């Protein structure tokens, strides 16, 4: 991660402090970051989507056996369990092109890393 990116300290509803690192959303930056995080730091990552009213938190049991890009989607696979995240331009195929509005909506528009900011006493 770029050492010049400074976190923003936020206080959660329960009073816990969290540092939020806002990151670039361009395809090259996201692919480089995600490849490094999952290849080198997979043991330390809790991942999953967060939507209003729900969060899914998962941890990998082993390093990914495949990381690849196709049609704007980065795929990170841990054997059978895997996920896809749209970080680039999604075009679809010649026979089945992606409609522009959904393709744009699917693309990552915000990237943040969170760090618990527990006080050390």
PDB file of N, CA and C in Angstrom:
ATOM      1  N   UNK A   1       0.852  -1.180   0.000  1.00  0.00           N
ATOM      2  CA  UNK A   1       0.000   0.000   0.000  1.00  0.00           C
ATOM      3  C   UNK A   1       0.888   1.230   0.000  1.00  0.00           C
ATOM      4  N   UNK A   2       0.489   2.242  -0.702  1.00  0.00           N
ATOM      5  CA  UNK A   2       1.224   3.488  -0.790  1.00  0.00           C
ATOM      6  C   UNK A   2       1.343   4.125   0.588  1.00  0.00           C
ATOM      7  N   UNK A   3       2.576   4.362   1.042  1.00  0.00           N
ATOM      8  CA  UNK A   3       2.803   4.900   2.379  1.00  0.00           C
ATOM      9  C   UNK A   3       2.265   6.322   2.527  1.00  0.00           C
ATOM     10  N   UNK A   4       2.003   7.010   1.420  1.00  0.00           N
ATOM     11  CA  UNK A   4       1.496   8.380   1.513  1.00  0.00           C
ATOM     12  C   UNK A   4      -0.008   8.437   1.759  1.00  0.00           C
ATOM     13  N   UNK A   5      -0.691   7.318   1.676  1.00  0.00           N
ATOM     14  CA  UNK A   5      -2.136   7.297   1.927  1.00  0.00           C
ATOM     15  C   UNK A   5      -2.353   7.330   3.431  1.00  0.00           C
ATOM     16  N   UNK A   6      -2.973   8.376   3.877  1.00  0.00           N
ATOM     17  CA  UNK A   6      -3.211   8.560   5.306  1.00  0.00           C
ATOM     18  C   UNK A   6      -4.630   8.118   5.651  1.00  0.00           C
ATOM     19  N   UNK A   7      -4.776   7.412   6.770  1.00  0.00           N
ATOM     20  CA  UNK A   7      -6.113   6.959   7.147  1.00  0.00           C
ATOM     21  C   UNK A   7      -6.953   8.084   7.731  1.00  0.00           C
ATOM     22  N   UNK A   8      -8.255   7.886   7.648  1.00  0.00           N
ATOM     23  CA  UNK A   8      -9.208   8.769   8.315  1.00  0.00           C
ATOM     24  C   UNK A   8      -9.738   7.998   9.513  1.00  0.00           C
ATOM     25  N   UNK A   9      -9.614   8.556  10.700  1.00  0.00           N
ATOM     26  CA  UNK A   9     -10.101   7.895  11.910  1.00  0.00           C
ATOM     27  C   UNK A   9     -11.598   8.112  12.016  1.00  0.00           C
ATOM     28  N   UNK A  10     -12.338   7.013  12.149  1.00  0.00           N
ATOM     29  CA  UNK A  10     -13.784   7.077  12.330  1.00  0.00           C
ATOM     30  C   UNK A  10     -14.137   6.372  13.631  1.00  0.00           C
ATOM     31  N   UNK A  11     -15.183   6.862  14.266  1.00  0.00           N
ATOM     32  CA  UNK A  11     -15.680   6.233  15.487  1.00  0.00           C
ATOM     33  C   UNK A  11     -17.001   5.548  15.148  1.00  0.00           C
ATOM     34  N   UNK A  12     -17.037   4.241  15.366  1.00  0.00           N
ATOM     35  CA  UNK A  12     -18.224   3.457  15.081  1.00  0.00           C
ATOM     36  C   UNK A  12     -19.306   3.745  16.124  1.00  0.00           C
ATOM     37  N   UNK A  13     -20.529   3.291  15.845  1.00  0.00           N
ATOM     38  CA  UNK A  13     -21.655   3.516  16.756  1.00  0.00           C
ATOM     39  C   UNK A  13     -21.394   2.946  18.146  1.00  0.00           C
ATOM     40  N   UNK A  14     -20.599   1.866  18.226  1.00  0.00           N
ATOM     41  CA  UNK A  14     -20.301   1.259  19.528  1.00  0.00           C
ATOM     42  C   UNK A  14     -19.109   1.905  20.225  1.00  0.00           C
ATOM     43  N   UNK A  15     -18.562   2.966  19.628  1.00  0.00           N
ATOM     44  CA  UNK A  15     -17.441   3.685  20.224  1.00  0.00           C
ATOM     45  C   UNK A  15     -16.077   3.190  19.771  1.00  0.00           C
ATOM     46  N   UNK A  16     -16.020   2.126  18.992  1.00  0.00           N
ATOM     47  CA  UNK A  16     -14.739   1.591  18.520  1.00  0.00           C
ATOM     48  C   UNK A  16     -14.150   2.507  17.450  1.00  0.00           C
ATOM     49  N   UNK A  17     -12.844   2.708  17.517  1.00  0.00           N
ATOM     50  CA  UNK A  17     -12.144   3.514  16.519  1.00  0.00           C
ATOM     51  C   UNK A  17     -11.693   2.626  15.366  1.00  0.00           C
ATOM     52  N   UNK A  18     -11.875   3.132  14.148  1.00  0.00           N
ATOM     53  CA  UNK A  18     -11.479   2.414  12.935  1.00  0.00           C
ATOM     54  C   UNK A  18     -10.743   3.398  12.042  1.00  0.00           C
ATOM     55  N   UNK A  19      -9.593   2.972  11.509  1.00  0.00           N
ATOM     56  CA  UNK A  19      -8.877   3.768  10.515  1.00  0.00           C
ATOM     57  C   UNK A  19      -9.329   3.309   9.133  1.00  0.00           C
ATOM     58  N   UNK A  20      -9.735   4.268   8.297  1.00  0.00           N
ATOM     59  CA  UNK A  20     -10.210   3.968   6.952  1.00  0.00           C
ATOM     60  C   UNK A  20      -9.205   4.534   5.956  1.00  0.00           C
ATOM     61  N   UNK A  21      -8.687   3.647   5.100  1.00  0.00           N
ATOM     62  CA  UNK A  21      -7.746   4.045   4.055  1.00  0.00           C
ATOM     63  C   UNK A  21      -8.509   4.047   2.740  1.00  0.00           C
ATOM     64  N   UNK A  22      -8.682   5.213   2.138  1.00  0.00           N
ATOM     65  CA  UNK A  22      -9.357   5.325   0.849  1.00  0.00           C
ATOM     66  C   UNK A  22      -8.304   5.150  -0.250  1.00  0.00           C
ATOM     67  N   UNK A  23      -8.582   4.249  -1.182  1.00  0.00           N
ATOM     68  CA  UNK A  23      -7.606   3.859  -2.192  1.00  0.00           C
ATOM     69  C   UNK A  23      -8.108   4.157  -3.596  1.00  0.00           C
ATOM     70  N   UNK A  24      -7.184   4.193  -4.566  1.00  0.00           N
ATOM     71  CA  UNK A  24      -7.585   4.413  -5.958  1.00  0.00           C
ATOM     72  C   UNK A  24      -8.485   3.288  -6.457  1.00  0.00           C
ATOM     73  N   UNK A  25      -9.322   3.586  -7.444  1.00  0.00           N
ATOM     74  CA  UNK A  25     -10.248   2.590  -7.979  1.00  0.00           C
ATOM     75  C   UNK A  25      -9.943   2.193  -9.420  1.00  0.00           C
ATOM     76  N   UNK A  26      -8.837   2.656  -9.985  1.00  0.00           N
ATOM     77  CA  UNK A  26      -8.520   2.276 -11.360  1.00  0.00           C
ATOM     78  C   UNK A  26      -8.087   0.808 -11.416  1.00  0.00           C
ATOM     79  N   UNK A  27      -8.302   0.179 -12.558  1.00  0.00           N
ATOM     80  CA  UNK A  27      -8.059  -1.253 -12.725  1.00  0.00           C
ATOM     81  C   UNK A  27      -6.626  -1.653 -12.385  1.00  0.00           C
ATOM     82  N   UNK A  28      -5.645  -0.927 -12.879  1.00  0.00           N
ATOM     83  CA  UNK A  28      -4.239  -1.298 -12.647  1.00  0.00           C
ATOM     84  C   UNK A  28      -3.893  -1.267 -11.159  1.00  0.00           C
ATOM     85  N   UNK A  29      -4.316  -0.215 -10.462  1.00  0.00           N
ATOM     86  CA  UNK A  29      -4.026  -0.113  -9.019  1.00  0.00           C
ATOM     87  C   UNK A  29      -4.718  -1.218  -8.234  1.00  0.00           C
ATOM     88  N   UNK A  30      -6.001  -1.464  -8.550  1.00  0.00           N
ATOM     89  CA  UNK A  30      -6.752  -2.499  -7.829  1.00  0.00           C
ATOM     90  C   UNK A  30      -6.202  -3.893  -8.096  1.00  0.00           C
ATOM     91  N   UNK A  31      -5.867  -4.186  -9.344  1.00  0.00           N
ATOM     92  CA  UNK A  31      -5.328  -5.509  -9.637  1.00  0.00           C
ATOM     93  C   UNK A  31      -4.011  -5.736  -8.910  1.00  0.00           C
ATOM     94  N   UNK A  32      -3.128  -4.760  -8.946  1.00  0.00           N
ATOM     95  CA  UNK A  32      -1.834  -4.891  -8.258  1.00  0.00           C
ATOM     96  C   UNK A  32      -2.044  -5.092  -6.755  1.00  0.00           C
ATOM     97  N   UNK A  33      -2.889  -4.267  -6.157  1.00  0.00           N
ATOM     98  CA  UNK A  33      -3.145  -4.344  -4.722  1.00  0.00           C
ATOM     99  C   UNK A  33      -3.758  -5.692  -4.341  1.00  0.00           C
ATOM    100  N   UNK A  34      -4.811  -6.104  -5.039  1.00  0.00           N
ATOM    101  CA  UNK A  34      -5.505  -7.340  -4.681  1.00  0.00           C
ATOM    102  C   UNK A  34      -4.637  -8.570  -4.909  1.00  0.00           C
ATOM    103  N   UNK A  35      -3.860  -8.577  -5.983  1.00  0.00           N
ATOM    104  CA  UNK A  35      -2.946  -9.704  -6.209  1.00  0.00           C
ATOM    105  C   UNK A  35      -1.954  -9.821  -5.051  1.00  0.00           C
ATOM    106  N   UNK A  36      -1.364  -8.696  -4.661  1.00  0.00           N
ATOM    107  CA  UNK A  36      -0.384  -8.732  -3.567  1.00  0.00           C
ATOM    108  C   UNK A  36      -1.039  -9.122  -2.247  1.00  0.00           C
ATOM    109  N   UNK A  37      -2.172  -8.510  -1.931  1.00  0.00           N
ATOM    110  CA  UNK A  37      -2.836  -8.825  -0.664  1.00  0.00           C
ATOM    111  C   UNK A  37      -3.177 -10.308  -0.556  1.00  0.00           C
ATOM    112  N   UNK A  38      -3.783 -10.867  -1.599  1.00  0.00           N
ATOM    113  CA  UNK A  38      -4.218 -12.253  -1.504  1.00  0.00           C
ATOM    114  C   UNK A  38      -3.081 -13.249  -1.683  1.00  0.00           C
ATOM    115  N   UNK A  39      -2.071 -12.926  -2.472  1.00  0.00           N
ATOM    116  CA  UNK A  39      -0.943 -13.838  -2.643  1.00  0.00           C
ATOM    117  C   UNK A  39      -0.024 -13.833  -1.425  1.00  0.00           C
ATOM    118  N   UNK A  40       0.196 -12.674  -0.832  1.00  0.00           N
ATOM    119  CA  UNK A  40       1.189 -12.543   0.239  1.00  0.00           C
ATOM    120  C   UNK A  40       0.596 -12.458   1.646  1.00  0.00           C
ATOM    121  N   UNK A  41      -0.619 -11.956   1.778  1.00  0.00           N
ATOM    122  CA  UNK A  41      -1.173 -11.673   3.110  1.00  0.00           C
ATOM    123  C   UNK A  41      -2.520 -12.336   3.350  1.00  0.00           C
ATOM    124  N   UNK A  42      -2.819 -13.415   2.637  1.00  0.00           N
ATOM    125  CA  UNK A  42      -4.127 -14.060   2.713  1.00  0.00           C
ATOM    126  C   UNK A  42      -4.507 -14.461   4.129  1.00  0.00           C
ATOM    127  N   UNK A  43      -3.535 -14.807   4.973  1.00  0.00           N
ATOM    128  CA  UNK A  43      -3.831 -15.228   6.360  1.00  0.00           C
ATOM    129  C   UNK A  43      -4.418 -14.089   7.208  1.00  0.00           C
ATOM    130  N   UNK A  44      -4.096 -12.868   6.829  1.00  0.00           N
ATOM    131  CA  UNK A  44      -4.457 -11.706   7.642  1.00  0.00           C
ATOM    132  C   UNK A  44      -5.725 -10.998   7.167  1.00  0.00           C
ATOM    133  N   UNK A  45      -6.394 -11.533   6.171  1.00  0.00           N
ATOM    134  CA  UNK A  45      -7.515 -10.832   5.545  1.00  0.00           C
ATOM    135  C   UNK A  45      -8.851 -11.419   5.987  1.00  0.00           C
ATOM    136  N   UNK A  46      -9.755 -10.536   6.381  1.00  0.00           N
ATOM    137  CA  UNK A  46     -11.165 -10.874   6.521  1.00  0.00           C
ATOM    138  C   UNK A  46     -11.845 -10.165   5.369  1.00  0.00           C
ATOM    139  N   UNK A  47     -12.610 -10.894   4.577  1.00  0.00           N
ATOM    140  CA  UNK A  47     -13.192 -10.290   3.391  1.00  0.00           C
ATOM    141  C   UNK A  47     -14.667 -10.613   3.285  1.00  0.00           C
ATOM    142  N   UNK A  48     -15.336  -9.835   2.485  1.00  0.00           N
ATOM    143  CA  UNK A  48     -16.735 -10.083   2.197  1.00  0.00           C
ATOM    144  C   UNK A  48     -17.465  -8.796   1.901  1.00  0.00           C
ATOM    145  N   UNK A  49     -18.611  -8.921   1.265  1.00  0.00           N
ATOM    146  CA  UNK A  49     -19.395  -7.731   0.927  1.00  0.00           C
ATOM    147  C   UNK A  49     -20.118  -7.167   2.151  1.00  0.00           C
ATOM    148  N   UNK A  50     -20.294  -5.875   2.119  1.00  0.00           N
ATOM    149  CA  UNK A  50     -21.077  -5.191   3.146  1.00  0.00           C
ATOM    150  C   UNK A  50     -22.153  -4.390   2.428  1.00  0.00           C
ATOM    151  N   UNK A  51     -23.395  -4.654   2.783  1.00  0.00           N
ATOM    152  CA  UNK A  51     -24.510  -3.861   2.276  1.00  0.00           C
ATOM    153  C   UNK A  51     -25.319  -3.420   3.486  1.00  0.00           C
ATOM    154  N   UNK A  52     -26.176  -2.457   3.319  1.00  0.00           N
ATOM    155  CA  UNK A  52     -26.984  -1.996   4.446  1.00  0.00           C
ATOM    156  C   UNK A  52     -27.735  -3.176   5.051  1.00  0.00           C
ATOM    157  N   UNK A  53     -27.492  -3.424   6.315  1.00  0.00           N
ATOM    158  CA  UNK A  53     -28.203  -4.472   7.030  1.00  0.00           C
ATOM    159  C   UNK A  53     -27.562  -5.846   6.984  1.00  0.00           C
ATOM    160  N   UNK A  54     -26.439  -6.010   6.260  1.00  0.00           N
ATOM    161  CA  UNK A  54     -25.816  -7.330   6.183  1.00  0.00           C
ATOM    162  C   UNK A  54     -24.333  -7.221   5.878  1.00  0.00           C
ATOM    163  N   UNK A  55     -23.582  -8.122   6.459  1.00  0.00           N
ATOM    164  CA  UNK A  55     -22.160  -8.234   6.149  1.00  0.00           C
ATOM    165  C   UNK A  55     -21.807  -9.710   6.153  1.00  0.00           C
ATOM    166  N   UNK A  56     -21.000 -10.119   5.220  1.00  0.00           N
ATOM    167  CA  UNK A  56     -20.520 -11.493   5.182  1.00  0.00           C
ATOM    168  C   UNK A  56     -19.015 -11.446   5.376  1.00  0.00           C
ATOM    169  N   UNK A  57     -18.552 -12.047   6.449  1.00  0.00           N
ATOM    170  CA  UNK A  57     -17.122 -12.040   6.760  1.00  0.00           C
ATOM    171  C   UNK A  57     -16.568 -13.440   6.589  1.00  0.00           C
ATOM    172  N   UNK A  58     -15.497 -13.543   5.803  1.00  0.00           N
ATOM    173  CA  UNK A  58     -14.872 -14.834   5.528  1.00  0.00           C
ATOM    174  C   UNK A  58     -13.362 -14.706   5.685  1.00  0.00           C
ATOM    175  N   UNK A  59     -12.728 -15.839   5.942  1.00  0.00           N
ATOM    176  CA  UNK A  59     -11.280 -15.919   5.993  1.00  0.00           C
ATOM    177  C   UNK A  59     -10.848 -17.107   5.146  1.00  0.00           C
ATOM    178  N   UNK A  60      -9.763 -16.936   4.419  1.00  0.00           N
ATOM    179  CA  UNK A  60      -9.239 -18.021   3.590  1.00  0.00           C
ATOM    180  C   UNK A  60      -8.494 -19.024   4.468  1.00  0.00           C
ATOM    181  N   UNK A  61      -8.632 -20.294   4.125  1.00  0.00           N
ATOM    182  CA  UNK A  61      -7.936 -21.349   4.859  1.00  0.00           C
ATOM    183  C   UNK A  61      -6.579 -21.674   4.248  1.00  0.00           C
ATOM    184  N   UNK A  62      -6.330 -21.138   3.051  1.00  0.00           N
ATOM    185  CA  UNK A  62      -5.064 -21.376   2.352  1.00  0.00           C
ATOM    186  C   UNK A  62      -4.863 -20.269   1.330  1.00  0.00           C
ATOM    187  N   UNK A  63      -3.659 -20.170   0.771  1.00  0.00           N
ATOM    188  CA  UNK A  63      -3.448 -19.138  -0.254  1.00  0.00           C
ATOM    189  C   UNK A  63      -4.251 -19.468  -1.507  1.00  0.00           C
ATOM    190  N   UNK A  64      -4.548 -18.469  -2.306  1.00  0.00           N
ATOM    191  CA  UNK A  64      -5.298 -18.740  -3.533  1.00  0.00           C
ATOM    192  C   UNK A  64      -4.475 -19.604  -4.486  1.00  0.00           C
ATOM    193  N   UNK A  65      -5.169 -20.485  -5.204  1.00  0.00           N
ATOM    194  CA  UNK A  65      -4.472 -21.282  -6.207  1.00  0.00           C
ATOM    195  C   UNK A  65      -4.595 -20.663  -7.598  1.00  0.00           C
ATOM    196  N   UNK A  66      -5.420 -19.615  -7.687  1.00  0.00           N
ATOM    197  CA  UNK A  66      -5.556 -18.927  -8.979  1.00  0.00           C
ATOM    198  C   UNK A  66      -6.012 -17.498  -8.751  1.00  0.00           C
ATOM    199  N   UNK A  67      -5.339 -16.578  -9.425  1.00  0.00           N
ATOM    200  CA  UNK A  67      -5.759 -15.175  -9.479  1.00  0.00           C
ATOM    201  C   UNK A  67      -5.665 -14.779 -10.942  1.00  0.00           C
ATOM    202  N   UNK A  68      -6.771 -14.319 -11.514  1.00  0.00           N
ATOM    203  CA  UNK A  68      -6.745 -13.981 -12.931  1.00  0.00           C
ATOM    204  C   UNK A  68      -7.763 -12.918 -13.297  1.00  0.00           C
ATOM    205  N   UNK A  69      -7.509 -12.252 -14.417  1.00  0.00           N
ATOM    206  CA  UNK A  69      -8.398 -11.215 -14.946  1.00  0.00           C
ATOM    207  C   UNK A  69      -9.065 -11.708 -16.214  1.00  0.00           C
ATOM    208  N   UNK A  70     -10.373 -11.400 -16.342  1.00  0.00           N
ATOM    209  CA  UNK A  70     -11.086 -11.680 -17.584  1.00  0.00           C
ATOM    210  C   UNK A  70     -12.271 -10.735 -17.692  1.00  0.00           C
ATOM    211  N   UNK A  71     -12.306  -9.981 -18.766  1.00  0.00           N
ATOM    212  CA  UNK A  71     -13.426  -9.094 -19.086  1.00  0.00           C
ATOM    213  C   UNK A  71     -13.760  -8.144 -17.943  1.00  0.00           C
ATOM    214  N   UNK A  72     -12.730  -7.590 -17.326  1.00  0.00           N
ATOM    215  CA  UNK A  72     -12.930  -6.599 -16.267  1.00  0.00           C
ATOM    216  C   UNK A  72     -13.068  -7.174 -14.874  1.00  0.00           C
ATOM    217  N   UNK A  73     -13.179  -8.484 -14.762  1.00  0.00           N
ATOM    218  CA  UNK A  73     -13.354  -9.136 -13.462  1.00  0.00           C
ATOM    219  C   UNK A  73     -12.057  -9.796 -13.003  1.00  0.00           C
ATOM    220  N   UNK A  74     -11.666  -9.515 -11.777  1.00  0.00           N
ATOM    221  CA  UNK A  74     -10.562 -10.223 -11.138  1.00  0.00           C
ATOM    222  C   UNK A  74     -11.179 -11.392 -10.386  1.00  0.00           C
ATOM    223  N   UNK A  75     -10.663 -12.589 -10.629  1.00  0.00           N
ATOM    224  CA  UNK A  75     -11.127 -13.788  -9.942  1.00  0.00           C
ATOM    225  C   UNK A  75     -10.035 -14.252  -9.003  1.00  0.00           C
ATOM    226  N   UNK A  76     -10.406 -14.507  -7.755  1.00  0.00           N
ATOM    227  CA  UNK A  76      -9.489 -15.051  -6.770  1.00  0.00           C
ATOM    228  C   UNK A  76     -10.105 -16.360  -6.299  1.00  0.00           C
ATOM    229  N   UNK A  77      -9.377 -17.468  -6.548  1.00  0.00           N
ATOM    230  CA  UNK A  77      -9.913 -18.803  -6.284  1.00  0.00           C
ATOM    231  C   UNK A  77      -9.083 -19.529  -5.236  1.00  0.00           C
ATOM    232  N   UNK A  78      -9.789 -20.146  -4.314  1.00  0.00           N
ATOM    233  CA  UNK A  78      -9.199 -20.984  -3.272  1.00  0.00           C
ATOM    234  C   UNK A  78      -9.706 -22.405  -3.492  1.00  0.00           C
ATOM    235  N   UNK A  79      -9.359 -23.003  -4.615  1.00  0.00           N
ATOM    236  CA  UNK A  79      -9.964 -24.273  -4.991  1.00  0.00           C
ATOM    237  C   UNK A  79     -11.360 -23.987  -5.497  1.00  0.00           C
ATOM    238  N   UNK A  80     -12.363 -24.657  -4.936  1.00  0.00           N
ATOM    239  CA  UNK A  80     -13.747 -24.430  -5.345  1.00  0.00           C
ATOM    240  C   UNK A  80     -14.251 -23.062  -4.867  1.00  0.00           C
ATOM    241  N   UNK A  81     -14.052 -22.684  -3.594  1.00  0.00           N
ATOM    242  CA  UNK A  81     -14.508 -21.346  -3.201  1.00  0.00           C
ATOM    243  C   UNK A  81     -13.732 -20.275  -3.974  1.00  0.00           C
ATOM    244  N   UNK A  82     -14.441 -19.330  -4.526  1.00  0.00           N
ATOM    245  CA  UNK A  82     -13.801 -18.247  -5.263  1.00  0.00           C
ATOM    246  C   UNK A  82     -14.751 -17.052  -5.318  1.00  0.00           C
ATOM    247  N   UNK A  83     -14.201 -15.917  -5.715  1.00  0.00           N
ATOM    248  CA  UNK A  83     -15.057 -14.758  -5.918  1.00  0.00           C
ATOM    249  C   UNK A  83     -14.542 -13.964  -7.099  1.00  0.00           C
ATOM    250  N   UNK A  84     -15.438 -13.175  -7.652  1.00  0.00           N
ATOM    251  CA  UNK A  84     -15.140 -12.299  -8.781  1.00  0.00           C
ATOM    252  C   UNK A  84     -15.446 -10.878  -8.321  1.00  0.00           C
ATOM    253  N   UNK A  85     -14.600  -9.960  -8.730  1.00  0.00           N
ATOM    254  CA  UNK A  85     -14.864  -8.552  -8.417  1.00  0.00           C
ATOM    255  C   UNK A  85     -14.571  -7.734  -9.673  1.00  0.00           C
ATOM    256  N   UNK A  86     -15.524  -6.905 -10.043  1.00  0.00           N
ATOM    257  CA  UNK A  86     -15.395  -6.103 -11.262  1.00  0.00           C
ATOM    258  C   UNK A  86     -14.548  -4.876 -10.955  1.00  0.00           C
ATOM    259  N   UNK A  87     -13.318  -4.875 -11.493  1.00  0.00           N
ATOM    260  CA  UNK A  87     -12.407  -3.750 -11.239  1.00  0.00           C
ATOM    261  C   UNK A  87     -12.052  -3.009 -12.523  1.00  0.00           C
ATOM    262  N   UNK A  88     -12.506  -3.522 -13.656  1.00  0.00           N
ATOM    263  CA  UNK A  88     -12.167  -2.905 -14.936  1.00  0.00           C
ATOM    264  C   UNK A  88     -13.368  -2.827 -15.851  1.00  0.00           C
ATOM    265  N   UNK A  89     -13.096  -2.517 -17.096  1.00  0.00           N
ATOM    266  CA  UNK A  89     -14.175  -2.387 -18.075  1.00  0.00           C
ATOM    267  C   UNK A  89     -14.733  -3.755 -18.425  1.00  0.00           C
ATOM    268  N   UNK A  90     -16.037  -3.913 -18.234  1.00  0.00           N
ATOM    269  CA  UNK A  90     -16.736  -5.163 -18.533  1.00  0.00           C
ATOM    270  C   UNK A  90     -17.468  -4.969 -19.855  1.00  0.00           C
ATOM    271  N   UNK A  91     -17.066  -5.745 -20.884  1.00  0.00           N
ATOM    272  CA  UNK A  91     -17.643  -5.589 -22.216  1.00  0.00           C
ATOM    273  C   UNK A  91     -18.607  -6.698 -22.603  1.00  0.00           C
ATOM    274  N   UNK A  92     -18.485  -7.874 -21.971  1.00  0.00           N
ATOM    275  CA  UNK A  92     -19.265  -9.023 -22.414  1.00  0.00           C
ATOM    276  C   UNK A  92     -18.600  -9.641 -23.630  1.00  0.00           C
ATOM    277  N   UNK A  93     -19.386 -10.353 -24.432  1.00  0.00           N
ATOM    278  CA  UNK A  93     -18.855 -10.979 -25.653  1.00  0.00           C
ATOM    279  C   UNK A  93     -19.482 -10.318 -26.869  1.00  0.00           C
ATOM    280  N   UNK A  94     -18.938 -10.621 -28.032  1.00  0.00           N
ATOM    281  CA  UNK A  94     -19.510 -10.084 -29.270  1.00  0.00           C
ATOM    282  C   UNK A  94     -20.960 -10.489 -29.434  1.00  0.00           C
ATOM    283  N   UNK A  95     -21.275 -11.747 -29.075  1.00  0.00           N
ATOM    284  CA  UNK A  95     -22.649 -12.250 -29.195  1.00  0.00           C
ATOM    285  C   UNK A  95     -23.538 -11.783 -28.056  1.00  0.00           C
ATOM    286  N   UNK A  96     -22.932 -11.438 -26.943  1.00  0.00           N
ATOM    287  CA  UNK A  96     -23.700 -11.032 -25.760  1.00  0.00           C
ATOM    288  C   UNK A  96     -22.996  -9.856 -25.065  1.00  0.00           C
ATOM    289  N   UNK A  97     -23.002  -8.682 -25.692  1.00  0.00           N
ATOM    290  CA  UNK A  97     -22.323  -7.533 -25.090  1.00  0.00           C
ATOM    291  C   UNK A  97     -23.003  -7.080 -23.797  1.00  0.00           C
ATOM    292  N   UNK A  98     -22.192  -6.592 -22.880  1.00  0.00           N
ATOM    293  CA  UNK A  98     -22.731  -6.089 -21.611  1.00  0.00           C
ATOM    294  C   UNK A  98     -23.398  -4.743 -21.853  1.00  0.00           C
ATOM    295  N   UNK A  99     -24.638  -4.568 -21.384  1.00  0.00           N
ATOM    296  CA  UNK A  99     -25.279  -3.252 -21.507  1.00  0.00           C
ATOM    297  C   UNK A  99     -24.466  -2.217 -20.725  1.00  0.00           C
ATOM    298  N   UNK A 100     -24.310  -1.005 -21.266  1.00  0.00           N
ATOM    299  CA  UNK A 100     -23.438  -0.009 -20.639  1.00  0.00           C
ATOM    300  C   UNK A 100     -23.806   0.356 -19.193  1.00  0.00           C
ATOM    301  N   UNK A 101     -25.086   0.548 -18.901  1.00  0.00           N
ATOM    302  CA  UNK A 101     -25.449   0.960 -17.540  1.00  0.00           C
ATOM    303  C   UNK A 101     -25.125  -0.097 -16.494  1.00  0.00           C
ATOM    304  N   UNK A 102     -25.545  -1.358 -16.676  1.00  0.00           N
ATOM    305  CA  UNK A 102     -25.170  -2.371 -15.679  1.00  0.00           C
ATOM    306  C   UNK A 102     -23.657  -2.588 -15.607  1.00  0.00           C
ATOM    307  N   UNK A 103     -22.981  -2.527 -16.753  1.00  0.00           N
ATOM    308  CA  UNK A 103     -21.527  -2.723 -16.748  1.00  0.00           C
ATOM    309  C   UNK A 103     -20.849  -1.638 -15.910  1.00  0.00           C
ATOM    310  N   UNK A 104     -21.288  -0.415 -16.032  1.00  0.00           N
ATOM    311  CA  UNK A 104     -20.716   0.679 -15.237  1.00  0.00           C
ATOM    312  C   UNK A 104     -21.078   0.527 -13.765  1.00  0.00           C
ATOM    313  N   UNK A 105     -22.302   0.120 -13.483  1.00  0.00           N
ATOM    314  CA  UNK A 105     -22.756  -0.055 -12.099  1.00  0.00           C
ATOM    315  C   UNK A 105     -21.956  -1.148 -11.380  1.00  0.00           C
ATOM    316  N   UNK A 106     -21.568  -2.196 -12.089  1.00  0.00           N
ATOM    317  CA  UNK A 106     -20.845  -3.329 -11.498  1.00  0.00           C
ATOM    318  C   UNK A 106     -19.406  -2.977 -11.126  1.00  0.00           C
ATOM    319  N   UNK A 107     -18.848  -2.006 -11.807  1.00  0.00           N
ATOM    320  CA  UNK A 107     -17.431  -1.665 -11.612  1.00  0.00           C
ATOM    321  C   UNK A 107     -17.210  -1.032 -10.246  1.00  0.00           C
ATOM    322  N   UNK A 108     -16.077  -1.359  -9.647  1.00  0.00           N
ATOM    323  CA  UNK A 108     -15.727  -0.821  -8.337  1.00  0.00           C
ATOM    324  C   UNK A 108     -15.688   0.703  -8.399  1.00  0.00           C
ATOM    325  N   UNK A 109     -16.458   1.345  -7.520  1.00  0.00           N
ATOM    326  CA  UNK A 109     -16.488   2.805  -7.483  1.00  0.00           C
ATOM    327  C   UNK A 109     -15.874   3.355  -6.198  1.00  0.00           C
ATOM    328  N   UNK A 110     -15.646   2.486  -5.228  1.00  0.00           N
ATOM    329  CA  UNK A 110     -15.049   2.926  -3.956  1.00  0.00           C
ATOM    330  C   UNK A 110     -14.218   1.767  -3.410  1.00  0.00           C
ATOM    331  N   UNK A 111     -13.007   2.076  -3.001  1.00  0.00           N
ATOM    332  CA  UNK A 111     -12.137   1.060  -2.416  1.00  0.00           C
ATOM    333  C   UNK A 111     -11.601   1.589  -1.103  1.00  0.00           C
ATOM    334  N   UNK A 112     -11.828   0.824  -0.048  1.00  0.00           N
ATOM    335  CA  UNK A 112     -11.354   1.214   1.276  1.00  0.00           C
ATOM    336  C   UNK A 112     -10.830  -0.020   2.003  1.00  0.00           C
ATOM    337  N   UNK A 113      -9.780   0.182   2.761  1.00  0.00           N
ATOM    338  CA  UNK A 113      -9.295  -0.826   3.698  1.00  0.00           C
ATOM    339  C   UNK A 113      -9.555  -0.293   5.090  1.00  0.00           C
ATOM    340  N   UNK A 114      -9.915  -1.185   5.983  1.00  0.00           N
ATOM    341  CA  UNK A 114     -10.236  -0.808   7.358  1.00  0.00           C
ATOM    342  C   UNK A 114      -9.256  -1.471   8.313  1.00  0.00           C
ATOM    343  N   UNK A 115      -8.850  -0.727   9.320  1.00  0.00           N
ATOM    344  CA  UNK A 115      -7.980  -1.262  10.360  1.00  0.00           C
ATOM    345  C   UNK A 115      -8.578  -0.897  11.714  1.00  0.00           C
ATOM    346  N   UNK A 116      -8.775  -1.901  12.545  1.00  0.00           N
ATOM    347  CA  UNK A 116      -9.241  -1.616  13.905  1.00  0.00           C
ATOM    348  C   UNK A 116      -8.171  -0.812  14.608  1.00  0.00           C
ATOM    349  N   UNK A 117      -8.592   0.226  15.279  1.00  0.00           N
ATOM    350  CA  UNK A 117      -7.639   1.116  15.965  1.00  0.00           C
ATOM    351  C   UNK A 117      -7.805   0.942  17.456  1.00  0.00           C
ATOM    352  N   UNK A 118      -7.421  -0.218  17.945  1.00  0.00           N
ATOM    353  CA  UNK A 118      -7.542  -0.510  19.378  1.00  0.00           C
ATOM    354  C   UNK A 118      -6.470   0.237  20.135  1.00  0.00           C
ATOM    355  N   UNK A 119      -6.861   0.801  21.256  1.00  0.00           N
ATOM    356  CA  UNK A 119      -5.866   1.507  22.076  1.00  0.00           C
ATOM    357  C   UNK A 119      -5.009   0.460  22.785  1.00  0.00           C
ATOM    358  N   UNK A 120      -3.743   0.778  22.910  1.00  0.00           N
ATOM    359  CA  UNK A 120      -2.797  -0.121  23.601  1.00  0.00           C
ATOM    360  C   UNK A 120      -2.481   0.482  24.948  1.00  0.00           C
ATOM    361  N   UNK A 121      -2.921  -0.213  25.997  1.00  0.00           N
ATOM    362  CA  UNK A 121      -2.661   0.311  27.335  1.00  0.00           C
ATOM    363  C   UNK A 121      -1.759  -0.604  28.126  1.00  0.00           C
TER     364      UNK A 121
END
